[in-house]
Protein backbone atom coordinates (compact mmCIF):
# COMPACT_ATOMS: atom_id res chain seq x y z
CA MET A 1 -0.23 0.16 0.23
CA VAL A 2 2.58 2.57 0.97
CA PHE A 3 4.65 1.84 -2.62
CA ALA A 4 0.99 2.38 -4.27
CA GLY A 5 1.00 5.47 -2.42
CA PHE A 6 4.36 6.49 -3.75
CA LEU A 7 3.51 5.72 -7.16
CA ALA A 8 0.24 7.40 -7.17
CA GLN A 9 2.11 10.55 -5.88
CA LEU A 10 4.70 10.06 -8.32
CA ALA A 11 2.12 10.13 -11.03
CA ALA A 12 0.39 13.14 -9.70
CA ALA A 13 3.65 15.26 -9.79
CA GLN A 14 4.42 14.25 -13.52
CA ALA A 15 0.84 15.20 -14.47
CA PRO A 16 -0.48 18.48 -15.03
CA SER A 17 -2.45 20.28 -13.02
CA ARG A 18 -6.02 19.60 -13.73
CA ASN A 19 -6.94 23.24 -14.10
CA PRO A 20 -4.02 25.04 -14.35
CA THR A 21 -4.42 28.96 -14.30
CA PHE A 22 -1.76 31.67 -16.23
CA SER A 23 -0.69 33.19 -12.94
CA GLU A 24 0.10 29.87 -10.89
CA ASN A 25 1.20 27.42 -13.33
CA VAL A 26 1.76 29.16 -17.05
CA ALA A 27 3.55 32.38 -16.38
CA PRO A 28 6.45 30.71 -14.28
CA ILE A 29 7.31 28.44 -17.39
CA LEU A 30 7.16 31.61 -19.97
CA TYR A 31 9.14 33.66 -17.41
CA GLN A 32 12.19 31.03 -17.43
CA HIS A 33 11.83 30.13 -21.06
CA CYS A 34 10.40 32.77 -23.16
CA ALA A 35 10.59 36.20 -21.54
CA LYS A 36 14.14 36.98 -22.51
CA CYS A 37 13.22 37.06 -26.07
CA HIS A 38 9.27 38.10 -25.74
CA HIS A 39 9.28 41.56 -23.69
CA PRO A 40 8.86 44.95 -25.21
CA GLY A 41 11.43 45.93 -27.58
CA ASP A 42 13.32 42.69 -27.99
CA ILE A 43 13.35 40.58 -31.04
CA ALA A 44 10.24 38.33 -30.72
CA PRO A 45 7.11 40.08 -32.24
CA MET A 46 4.86 39.81 -29.03
CA SER A 47 5.46 40.21 -25.55
CA LEU A 48 4.36 37.30 -23.00
CA LEU A 49 4.77 38.92 -19.49
CA THR A 50 0.97 39.55 -18.56
CA TYR A 51 -2.17 37.50 -18.92
CA LYS A 52 -3.67 40.01 -21.37
CA GLU A 53 -0.76 39.80 -23.40
CA VAL A 54 -0.79 36.25 -23.43
CA ARG A 55 -4.18 35.02 -23.96
CA PRO A 56 -4.90 36.43 -27.41
CA TRP A 57 -1.85 34.14 -28.68
CA ALA A 58 -2.98 30.91 -26.53
CA ALA A 59 -3.70 28.56 -29.41
CA ALA A 60 -0.81 29.62 -31.22
CA ILE A 61 1.40 29.21 -28.05
CA GLY A 62 -0.10 25.69 -27.34
CA GLU A 63 0.72 24.62 -31.03
CA ALA A 64 4.37 26.14 -30.96
CA VAL A 65 5.49 23.98 -27.90
CA VAL A 66 3.57 21.11 -28.34
CA SER A 67 5.54 20.63 -32.08
CA ARG A 68 8.96 21.96 -30.17
CA LYS A 69 8.95 25.09 -32.21
CA MET A 70 9.22 27.23 -29.71
CA PRO A 71 11.40 27.79 -27.33
CA PRO A 72 13.68 27.02 -30.59
CA TRP A 73 16.87 24.51 -30.08
CA LEU A 74 18.52 23.19 -32.98
CA ALA A 75 21.17 20.85 -31.21
CA ASP A 76 20.58 17.18 -31.42
CA PRO A 77 19.30 16.52 -27.91
CA SER A 78 21.21 12.94 -27.40
CA ILE A 79 24.69 14.94 -27.63
CA GLY A 80 25.81 17.35 -24.78
CA HIS A 81 24.46 18.96 -22.08
CA TRP A 82 24.49 22.41 -22.66
CA SER A 83 23.34 25.62 -19.82
CA ASN A 84 21.26 27.25 -22.00
CA ASP A 85 18.64 24.55 -23.39
CA PRO A 86 15.39 26.38 -23.64
CA ARG A 87 13.21 23.04 -23.93
CA LEU A 88 10.42 22.63 -22.29
CA SER A 89 9.82 19.51 -20.30
CA GLU A 90 6.92 17.40 -21.09
CA LEU A 91 5.19 18.20 -18.13
CA GLU A 92 5.60 22.00 -19.06
CA ILE A 93 4.13 21.29 -22.56
CA GLN A 94 1.08 19.11 -21.00
CA THR A 95 0.49 22.11 -18.75
CA ILE A 96 0.73 24.67 -21.50
CA LYS A 97 -1.80 22.43 -23.41
CA ALA A 98 -3.99 22.12 -20.89
CA TRP A 99 -4.30 25.75 -19.85
CA VAL A 100 -4.80 26.50 -23.83
CA ASP A 101 -8.22 24.60 -23.28
CA ALA A 102 -9.87 27.02 -20.40
CA LYS A 103 -7.27 29.74 -20.52
CA LEU A 104 -8.23 30.26 -16.87
CA GLU A 105 -6.37 33.69 -15.58
CA GLY A 106 -6.14 32.75 -11.92
CA ASP A 107 -5.30 34.75 -8.81
CA PRO A 108 -3.08 37.43 -9.96
CA LYS A 109 -1.52 37.81 -6.18
CA LYS A 110 -0.12 34.37 -7.10
CA LEU A 111 1.42 35.99 -10.13
CA PRO A 112 5.56 35.23 -9.47
CA ALA A 113 7.99 38.49 -9.91
CA VAL A 114 7.81 39.36 -13.35
CA PRO A 115 11.08 39.57 -15.29
CA VAL A 116 12.93 42.88 -15.48
CA PHE A 117 15.44 43.91 -18.18
CA PRO A 118 17.05 47.32 -17.00
CA ASP A 119 16.56 49.53 -20.47
CA ASN A 120 16.28 46.42 -21.78
CA TRP A 121 19.59 44.99 -21.68
CA LYS A 122 19.88 41.34 -21.04
CA ILE A 123 22.87 41.33 -18.92
CA GLY A 124 21.78 43.94 -16.34
CA GLN A 125 22.79 47.72 -16.24
CA PRO A 126 26.19 47.89 -17.83
CA ASP A 127 29.20 49.59 -16.49
CA ALA A 128 30.02 51.13 -19.79
CA VAL A 129 27.81 51.65 -23.02
CA ILE A 130 29.74 52.62 -26.24
CA PRO A 131 27.69 53.57 -29.24
CA ILE A 132 28.11 53.90 -32.79
CA PRO A 133 27.64 57.24 -34.68
CA GLU A 134 23.78 57.45 -35.77
CA GLN A 135 23.38 55.66 -39.33
CA THR A 136 20.95 56.39 -42.15
CA ILE A 137 20.11 53.65 -44.23
CA ALA A 138 18.68 54.88 -47.32
CA ALA A 139 15.15 53.36 -48.56
CA THR A 140 16.09 51.11 -51.60
CA GLY A 141 19.11 49.48 -52.68
CA PRO A 142 21.02 46.37 -51.85
CA ASP A 143 21.74 44.92 -47.99
CA GLU A 144 24.40 47.36 -46.84
CA TYR A 145 27.57 46.27 -44.57
CA VAL A 146 29.01 49.01 -42.37
CA TYR A 147 32.41 48.72 -40.63
CA LEU A 148 32.66 51.56 -37.85
CA LYS A 149 35.71 52.06 -35.40
CA VAL A 150 35.03 53.63 -31.97
CA PRO A 151 37.22 54.84 -29.30
CA THR A 152 36.70 53.22 -25.76
CA ASN A 153 38.43 56.15 -24.38
CA PHE A 154 39.46 53.75 -21.41
CA ASN A 155 42.63 55.43 -19.53
CA GLU A 156 43.55 51.55 -18.36
CA ASP A 157 43.30 48.12 -19.24
CA ARG A 158 39.73 46.69 -18.58
CA TRP A 159 38.52 43.41 -18.05
CA ILE A 160 35.14 42.35 -18.96
CA VAL A 161 32.60 39.45 -17.85
CA ALA A 162 29.75 40.39 -20.24
CA ALA A 163 28.97 42.17 -23.27
CA GLU A 164 25.86 42.62 -25.04
CA LEU A 165 25.70 44.01 -28.82
CA ARG A 166 22.22 45.51 -28.71
CA PRO A 167 20.32 46.93 -31.94
CA GLY A 168 19.64 50.51 -32.06
CA ASN A 169 16.99 49.57 -34.64
CA ARG A 170 15.90 46.01 -34.94
CA LYS A 171 13.81 46.09 -38.01
CA ILE A 172 16.92 46.90 -40.00
CA VAL A 173 20.17 45.07 -38.05
CA HIS A 174 20.37 41.58 -39.25
CA HIS A 175 23.36 40.87 -37.58
CA ALA A 176 26.44 42.52 -36.18
CA HIS A 177 29.69 41.92 -34.52
CA VAL A 178 32.15 43.76 -32.39
CA PHE A 179 35.80 43.14 -32.15
CA VAL A 180 38.88 44.73 -29.76
CA GLU A 181 41.28 46.25 -31.77
CA SER A 182 44.25 46.92 -29.52
CA PRO A 183 46.33 50.15 -29.81
CA SER A 184 49.46 48.14 -30.98
CA PRO A 185 48.47 45.09 -32.30
CA GLU A 186 50.75 42.06 -32.51
CA ASP A 187 50.02 41.37 -35.78
CA SER A 188 51.65 44.66 -36.90
CA LYS A 189 54.93 43.16 -35.54
CA GLN A 190 55.29 40.47 -37.73
CA THR A 191 56.51 40.79 -41.46
CA ASN A 192 55.63 38.40 -43.61
CA LYS A 193 57.94 37.29 -46.55
CA PRO A 194 56.43 36.86 -50.08
CA SER A 195 56.58 32.97 -49.63
CA ASP A 196 55.01 32.77 -46.51
CA PRO A 197 51.41 31.45 -46.41
CA ALA A 198 49.92 34.17 -44.77
CA THR A 199 51.22 36.16 -48.05
CA GLU A 200 50.31 33.76 -50.38
CA TYR A 201 46.74 33.14 -48.88
CA ALA A 202 46.06 37.08 -48.90
CA LYS A 203 46.36 37.04 -52.66
CA TRP A 204 42.70 35.47 -52.79
CA ILE A 205 41.05 37.80 -50.40
CA GLN A 206 39.29 41.11 -50.85
CA VAL A 207 39.66 43.13 -47.12
CA HIS A 208 37.69 46.05 -46.30
CA GLN A 209 38.69 48.29 -43.64
CA GLY A 210 40.52 45.49 -41.75
CA SER A 211 37.91 42.61 -42.41
CA LEU A 212 37.45 39.87 -44.78
CA GLU A 213 34.71 40.40 -47.29
CA TRP A 214 35.34 37.80 -50.16
CA VAL A 215 37.26 35.30 -51.66
CA ARG A 216 37.97 35.55 -55.29
CA PRO A 217 36.18 33.15 -57.29
CA ASP A 218 39.66 31.95 -59.25
CA ALA A 219 41.08 31.14 -55.56
CA PRO A 220 42.30 27.38 -54.94
CA VAL A 221 39.76 25.37 -53.57
CA ILE A 222 39.69 23.34 -50.34
CA ASP A 223 36.82 21.92 -49.29
CA ASN A 224 38.80 19.68 -47.26
CA GLY A 225 40.34 21.57 -44.71
CA CYS A 226 41.36 18.87 -42.70
CA ALA A 227 43.83 17.21 -44.97
CA VAL A 228 46.34 19.67 -43.26
CA ASP A 229 45.28 21.49 -40.06
CA ASP A 230 44.23 24.87 -39.77
CA ASN A 231 43.13 25.15 -43.72
CA GLY A 232 46.16 23.64 -44.95
CA LEU A 233 47.58 25.48 -47.33
CA PHE A 234 46.79 28.65 -45.83
CA PRO A 235 47.66 28.46 -42.11
CA GLY A 236 47.40 32.65 -41.54
CA SER A 237 43.25 31.75 -41.83
CA LYS A 238 43.11 30.52 -38.38
CA SER A 239 42.31 33.13 -35.75
CA SER A 240 44.36 34.09 -32.36
CA ASP A 241 42.86 32.47 -29.21
CA LEU A 242 43.09 35.95 -27.54
CA ALA A 243 39.38 36.45 -28.45
CA SER A 244 39.58 39.98 -30.27
CA LEU A 245 35.92 39.33 -30.76
CA ILE A 246 33.69 40.11 -27.92
CA SER A 247 29.91 40.23 -28.78
CA SER A 248 28.18 39.10 -31.56
CA TYR A 249 24.36 39.99 -32.52
CA LEU A 250 22.65 37.05 -34.42
CA PRO A 251 19.26 35.93 -34.66
CA GLY A 252 18.74 33.71 -31.26
CA ARG A 253 22.06 34.31 -29.79
CA GLU A 254 22.28 35.52 -26.26
CA PRO A 255 24.47 38.00 -24.89
CA ASP A 256 28.15 37.13 -24.15
CA VAL A 257 28.53 36.07 -20.38
CA TYR A 258 32.02 34.54 -19.91
CA PRO A 259 32.07 31.74 -17.37
CA THR A 260 32.53 32.44 -13.29
CA GLY A 261 35.83 33.34 -12.59
CA THR A 262 36.73 34.00 -16.50
CA ALA A 263 37.08 37.68 -18.28
CA ARG A 264 38.54 38.95 -21.43
CA LYS A 265 40.83 42.37 -21.37
CA ILE A 266 40.25 45.23 -23.52
CA PRO A 267 43.61 47.28 -23.23
CA ALA A 268 43.85 50.64 -22.61
CA HIS A 269 43.04 53.18 -25.40
CA ALA A 270 41.48 50.28 -27.28
CA THR A 271 39.48 50.78 -30.36
CA LEU A 272 36.28 48.74 -30.79
CA ASN A 273 35.56 47.70 -34.31
CA PHE A 274 31.78 47.24 -35.28
CA GLN A 275 30.48 45.23 -38.36
CA ILE A 276 26.94 45.78 -38.87
CA HIS A 277 24.69 44.01 -41.50
CA TYR A 278 21.95 46.27 -42.61
CA SER A 279 18.89 44.78 -44.24
CA ARG A 280 16.33 47.00 -46.18
CA THR A 281 13.09 45.62 -44.92
CA THR A 282 10.79 48.54 -44.40
CA GLY A 283 10.27 50.11 -47.33
CA LYS A 284 11.74 53.49 -45.76
CA ALA A 285 14.68 55.32 -44.82
CA GLU A 286 15.53 54.66 -41.24
CA THR A 287 18.12 55.39 -38.61
CA ASP A 288 19.97 53.24 -36.30
CA GLN A 289 23.02 53.54 -33.36
CA THR A 290 23.56 50.25 -31.84
CA SER A 291 25.74 49.69 -28.91
CA VAL A 292 27.59 47.69 -27.17
CA GLY A 293 26.98 46.97 -23.26
CA LEU A 294 30.16 46.29 -21.02
CA ILE A 295 30.28 44.42 -17.50
CA PHE A 296 33.65 45.08 -15.91
CA ALA A 297 35.18 42.38 -13.41
CA LYS A 298 35.11 43.30 -10.01
CA GLU A 299 38.79 41.57 -9.35
CA PRO A 300 41.29 40.22 -12.12
CA PRO A 301 40.04 36.80 -13.41
CA GLN A 302 41.10 33.64 -12.31
CA ARG A 303 41.47 32.20 -15.91
CA ILE A 304 41.13 34.32 -19.37
CA SER A 305 38.21 33.65 -21.11
CA ARG A 306 39.87 32.22 -24.44
CA ARG A 307 38.16 32.01 -28.20
CA ILE A 308 39.46 30.39 -31.36
CA ASP A 309 37.57 30.16 -34.86
CA LEU A 310 38.17 27.45 -37.17
CA SER A 311 37.11 28.51 -40.41
CA ASN A 312 37.47 27.28 -43.90
CA GLN A 313 37.43 30.17 -46.33
CA MET A 314 38.54 28.40 -49.31
CA PHE A 315 36.04 25.98 -50.36
CA MET A 316 33.50 26.21 -53.12
CA ILE A 317 29.63 24.88 -53.21
CA PRO A 318 28.82 23.51 -56.76
CA ALA A 319 25.72 24.95 -58.30
CA GLY A 320 22.64 22.56 -57.68
CA ASP A 321 24.53 20.51 -55.03
CA ALA A 322 22.15 19.44 -52.31
CA ASP A 323 25.18 17.77 -49.70
CA HIS A 324 28.26 19.22 -49.96
CA ASP A 325 30.60 18.69 -47.56
CA VAL A 326 33.35 21.34 -46.33
CA SER A 327 35.53 20.76 -43.08
CA GLU A 328 38.16 22.58 -41.11
CA CYS A 329 40.66 21.04 -38.17
CA HIS A 330 42.93 22.15 -35.72
CA THR A 331 45.03 20.20 -32.98
CA PHE A 332 45.15 22.30 -29.31
CA THR A 333 48.92 21.81 -27.99
CA LYS A 334 48.00 22.14 -24.45
CA ASN A 335 45.01 21.28 -21.98
CA VAL A 336 41.65 23.12 -22.27
CA LEU A 337 38.38 23.28 -21.10
CA VAL A 338 35.92 23.90 -23.84
CA THR A 339 32.67 26.37 -22.47
CA SER A 340 31.07 26.75 -25.52
CA LEU A 341 30.91 26.01 -29.34
CA THR A 342 28.93 28.12 -31.91
CA PRO A 343 28.46 26.60 -35.48
CA HIS A 344 28.08 29.65 -38.30
CA MET A 345 26.82 29.22 -41.72
CA HIS A 346 24.68 31.27 -44.12
CA LEU A 347 21.30 30.60 -46.10
CA ARG A 348 22.79 27.35 -47.59
CA GLY A 349 24.14 25.65 -44.35
CA LYS A 350 22.67 22.40 -43.50
CA SER A 351 24.13 20.86 -40.74
CA MET A 352 27.36 20.90 -38.55
CA GLN A 353 29.52 18.84 -36.29
CA ILE A 354 32.07 19.43 -34.04
CA ILE A 355 33.98 16.25 -33.13
CA ALA A 356 37.37 15.62 -30.86
CA HIS A 357 39.98 13.48 -31.78
CA LEU A 358 41.69 12.21 -28.81
CA PRO A 359 45.38 11.60 -28.27
CA ASP A 360 44.34 7.69 -27.41
CA GLY A 361 42.38 7.36 -30.72
CA ARG A 362 38.89 8.01 -29.05
CA GLN A 363 36.52 9.63 -31.21
CA GLU A 364 33.55 12.40 -29.39
CA THR A 365 31.10 14.37 -31.00
CA LEU A 366 30.76 17.35 -28.93
CA LEU A 367 28.24 18.87 -30.78
CA PHE A 368 25.57 17.92 -33.69
CA VAL A 369 23.24 20.56 -34.82
CA PRO A 370 21.36 18.22 -37.79
CA ASN A 371 19.06 20.93 -39.04
CA TYR A 372 21.05 24.11 -38.96
CA GLN A 373 19.11 27.48 -39.71
CA PHE A 374 20.72 30.58 -40.30
CA HIS A 375 17.71 32.42 -38.46
CA TRP A 376 18.02 30.74 -35.47
CA GLN A 377 22.01 31.00 -34.65
CA PHE A 378 23.11 29.77 -31.08
CA THR A 379 25.74 29.35 -28.87
CA TYR A 380 25.70 26.18 -27.08
CA ARG A 381 27.38 26.72 -23.34
CA ALA A 382 28.33 23.75 -21.98
CA LYS A 383 26.91 22.75 -18.67
CA ASP A 384 30.30 21.24 -17.39
CA PRO A 385 33.48 22.53 -18.95
CA ILE A 386 34.61 19.90 -21.76
CA TYR A 387 37.91 18.85 -20.89
CA LEU A 388 40.18 18.25 -23.83
CA PRO A 389 43.73 16.71 -23.46
CA SER A 390 46.64 18.21 -25.41
CA GLY A 391 46.86 16.85 -28.44
CA THR A 392 43.21 16.32 -29.03
CA ARG A 393 42.22 17.49 -32.97
CA ILE A 394 39.00 19.25 -33.26
CA GLU A 395 36.96 18.40 -36.62
CA VAL A 396 34.41 21.11 -37.84
CA GLN A 397 32.28 18.81 -40.47
CA ALA A 398 29.71 21.07 -42.13
CA LYS A 399 27.30 20.43 -45.03
CA PHE A 400 25.57 22.77 -47.59
CA ASP A 401 22.69 22.51 -49.73
CA ASN A 402 22.79 24.59 -53.01
CA SER A 403 19.95 22.88 -54.72
CA PRO A 404 16.80 24.88 -55.38
CA ASN A 405 14.59 22.79 -52.78
CA LYS A 406 16.79 24.61 -50.12
CA GLN A 407 14.38 27.39 -48.21
CA GLY A 408 15.95 30.86 -48.46
CA ASN A 409 18.45 30.08 -51.39
CA PRO A 410 19.58 33.19 -52.74
CA ASP A 411 20.56 31.32 -56.29
CA SER A 412 20.71 27.81 -56.49
CA THR A 413 22.22 28.24 -60.34
CA ARG A 414 25.95 29.56 -59.14
CA ALA A 415 28.86 28.09 -57.24
CA VAL A 416 29.36 29.65 -54.24
CA ARG A 417 32.78 30.79 -52.01
CA TRP A 418 33.46 32.42 -49.11
CA GLY A 419 32.08 35.81 -48.46
CA SER A 420 30.74 38.31 -45.40
CA ALA A 421 27.36 38.86 -47.25
CA SER A 422 24.58 36.71 -46.33
CA GLU A 423 23.84 35.65 -50.13
CA ASN A 424 27.49 34.21 -49.86
CA GLU A 425 28.56 31.56 -47.47
CA MET A 426 30.76 30.91 -44.53
CA MET A 427 31.75 27.74 -42.61
CA ASP A 428 32.83 28.53 -38.94
CA GLY A 429 33.07 26.55 -35.89
CA TRP A 430 33.75 29.24 -32.74
CA ILE A 431 35.01 27.61 -29.93
CA GLU A 432 35.33 29.41 -26.05
CA TYR A 433 37.42 27.60 -23.69
CA VAL A 434 40.28 28.75 -20.95
CA ASP A 435 43.47 26.96 -20.40
CA ALA A 436 43.12 23.77 -18.06
CA ASP A 437 44.95 23.42 -14.64
CA PRO A 438 48.12 21.72 -15.54
CA GLN A 439 47.28 18.92 -13.09
CA SER A 440 43.82 18.11 -14.74
CA SER A 441 43.74 14.13 -15.59
CA ASN A 442 44.07 13.18 -18.66
CA THR A 443 40.76 11.18 -18.88
CA LEU A 444 38.00 12.82 -20.89
CA VAL A 445 35.72 14.63 -18.40
CA THR A 446 33.19 15.85 -20.93
CA SER A 447 29.69 17.09 -21.21
CA ALA A 448 28.98 15.47 -24.69
CA SER A 449 29.56 12.26 -22.48
CA LYS A 450 26.05 10.39 -21.62
């Protein structure tokens, strides 16, 4: 009898309330999983903070959560454990489904505290906000890519623990990045001889205001970037791990909040380099003043938050090819703890895997996104840091669909090469990590393991 009673209690705990109300049952779910986007002034088309706001959308919300269209999440659920996984539990889905039938408000006094976004900053009130000069975007014409350098006016080095790149006009800002440009970058101290791989690589790329824009159509084709690490023929294409990119605004991407005890440095007198993609979607002239908010570390970090971009920029996707493979590899020469993984492609992106080949011969898939979507670009933040010993080779495997059947494909009749514009393509695996303690075990302790 005692065991039967326990089973009954367990079943009750796993079943939705018979008469769920917004105040007691639905609002807590929406506040935890949806409010960060569904609040006034953010990316979502409607706010979901009050009963009055939610009720008209009840049927649509029920359909979206039952189909798991919302909250959006693209990673294969059988691989990896991610701290920012927004997916609803089956109990939460059934609770919303039951509420949709009656749409009961319940006692407003039992409504939990409504999430607050200070001045609409998701990271909280920043210690510093650095805006770009106001931009005017004409009503007609092709998409515009703007590159702007803004001084920080920092008189001393600053360690930052969070950065949020916030569009001033979400109607026209499609995506944006902000980089730190040191007053005396290390790269300027290096000289390349004519025979250097980096110099050879530079022959094939177009650079605008210090940023890569596109690869020449007649450049060598290297789809298999794993034939030799770091794009083989052109190792100069691999970025430094000093994380000059401090924040990005992409559809579905959260602000950049670095792991506890870590931070990134913005040197004194540094400049911020903004790259902004404007789309002309309203049919009228618009203005924008995008800005980045920064939160400073209260004390020097225990570890530096590092990032490396594994990018193949020499591939070519044939016209009409529905399943084209492009890869890139890099071998770590030190022990690391991976804190996040971000796949990045454009409109023809189909899928991406990030695989770790361990020194002892084992292979571990760290992330698999089987149905990549350009309009939902997530950073997958490891619930527990993924330990990779020195000698681990990271393989990024991407597939592209350049066929007429690919939704949103700008033109399936032409071969596609690397380019910053959305109608071209990119192939990036962004990896954030910290240097591991030298005393760390050589046993793989990974959030990808089950």
